[in-house]
Amino acid sequence: MRSFVASILCTCMRTLRRACVVAAWLALPIASFAHAADDFALDGAWRPAAAGEPVESVAWPDPRMQRFDPARLQTFAADGAVRWIVLLPAEGAWPPPPWVLEVIGPGLQRVAVFADDGSSIAENWIGDADRAWPGHGRLAFAIDRALPASAPLRVRLDSADVIPSALHFAARSVPDHLRVDARWLALASACLAIMAAMSVVALFFGTRLRDAAFLYYALYVAAYAFVMAMQEGYLFEPLGWKAIAQAPRMWGRLATVASVVAAVLFVARFADLARCAPHMRKLLLGYAAIVAALGLAGAIPSTGAALRALINPLLIAGAPLLLAASALAAWRGSRYARFFLLGWTPLLVVTALGSAQLYGVAPEWTWTAPAALVAGAYEALVLSLGLADRALALRRAHDQARQLADVDPLTGLYNRRAWSRLLPAVRDKARARDAPLTVLFLDLDDFKRLNDQHGHAAGDEVLLELARVLRSELRAQDLIGRFGGEEFVVALPGIDAAHATRIAVRIGQRLELGSLEAIGVTCTVSTGVASLQPHENTDDLLRRADEAMYAAKAAGRNRVVLSSQVPEPA
């Protein structure tokens, strides 16, 4: 058992090293995303849109507009849901067509692009799986016409009934766009596949082990992967889940609530917060209840906008709360809280950073979206290792409990229940090999008198001595058990009655010769021998051995009697 556990732990450590290598490998594309230079630099300005305002009313220059850098993350906050954005070539002239305008990280906002003459180029949103130009994690607008120098592109951004996301713009040549798009698709596919696989594995083990921590983890990882896949458009391209696109806000709200609640429940159970940090556990459960209530209440039209405004600050506050709870539990001795800290810290930092960027924090860090995918895959791997370690601990505890339930605590032999349970398998194997099977039923002579004269400690020494003799005289495949009190039973597969009788005599002689000097007694044993007959069950076999043992007692004790020598009852 020790070698098995050691091999499992070594495997876990090797897997952890591989997880770190995989995480490092997955992190490489983040650097390439961070340093993916745009082919053409852009300038920009924006302002809120009036209700029903036509594109022709958007002029440039316009003193009402606020300047911004399109290459940096920007959240266009306004009282209304619609904003007008003007994009201009930084070098004074647009590139020759064809080229691609990318709107990166739009979330569920709708984006329409118009040329300088007010004509529509395209209107897209991340859930439109039927658009002509696929763009994974971004909206791609193909500019296939020559634009006048210094003429603005007008962009209409509509965030009605959705949370505005921090987005940025890029202008690239078609080959560069296709290259960046393919790189993002490969990264997202790898990360989401890892999360999906870990969720399925945890669900399987959770149902088999009946441990809620695995089920909470499976729900959390699946919900988080769903949220990421929807926000980045992966559900719609390449998966083409059009039903989700029909009601993205509802699905996003349900997945977010499920992710937060499952994460809290998982941490509370996995890190053993009830024991290590009970007050933090209560605080986390209260936090999860508030998030769930706000998320579900956001579906009410009259309160939706106000409640949605509270969700993001609440999610930002959840990251340090989870980290604080796990850090406290780890400090107080929770082994699995350390796994949580190792796996979730990068994810929570990236998630909190992404939420903070909605308020203008670190706008130049445009790599947070792919980083969130990588962090999600990394934490799925690390926490799966923690769950594997937990499963090993549960198995070890189960094996120990099983052993305690099956083993006689004094002699270390099988107890009556375990021996009786294992005997049918020994019988079936003997019959399958057409081999004999013989049972010995042993009973120490005058054991009650020994206990009365020398005390129960002396009686225990006698029992231990017989157990030692049995172990030394018998084979590893022989089934030895303490049947109760001073009675012992032995199953000898592959040995006939004559051979078993010689073994029983040798056991009795060795026990008698090996007197217990410490207590000054000599022990003897009476033994009954019975061999399995055709079509006989184990109960009848054991009964005949027991009757032979009583015959040995009646014949004067300290002897071996075969069942065939016992006369049939009249």
Foldseek 3Di string as FASTA:
>chain_A
DVVVVVVLVVVLVVLLVVLVVVLVVLCVVLVVVLPLDFPFFKWKWKDFDDVPDAPVVDDPPDVRIDTDGQLFWDFDDDPAQKMKMKMATPVQADDADWKKKKKAQFFQKKKWKAALVRHTQDIDGLLPLPDPDDAFRIDIGTDGHGHGGGRIIMMMIGQPLHDGFTIHMGMHGPVSRVVSRVSLVVSLVVLLVLLQVLLVVLVVVCVVVVDVLSVLSSQQSVLVSVLLCNSRSVCCPPVNPNVCSVPVLVSNLVSVLSNLQSVLVNLCRQLVCVPQPVVLNVVSNVLSVVSNVLSVVLVDVVCVVVSVVVNLVSLLVVLVSSLVSLVSSVVSPRPRSVLCCVQCVQLSVLSNQSSCVSVPPRRSSPSSSSSNSSSSSSSSSSVSSSVSVVVVVSVVVVVVVVLVVQADVLQRAGEQVNLVVCVVVLVVVLVVVVAKKKKKKKAKPPLVVCCVPQNVVVSSVLLNLLSVLPVVLDDPPKHWYAHDDRIIMIMDTRDDQVRVQVSVLVSQVVQQVPDDVVRPDGIGMFMEMFMDDPPDDPVVNVVLRVQQSVVCVVVPGRHYGYSVPDDDDD
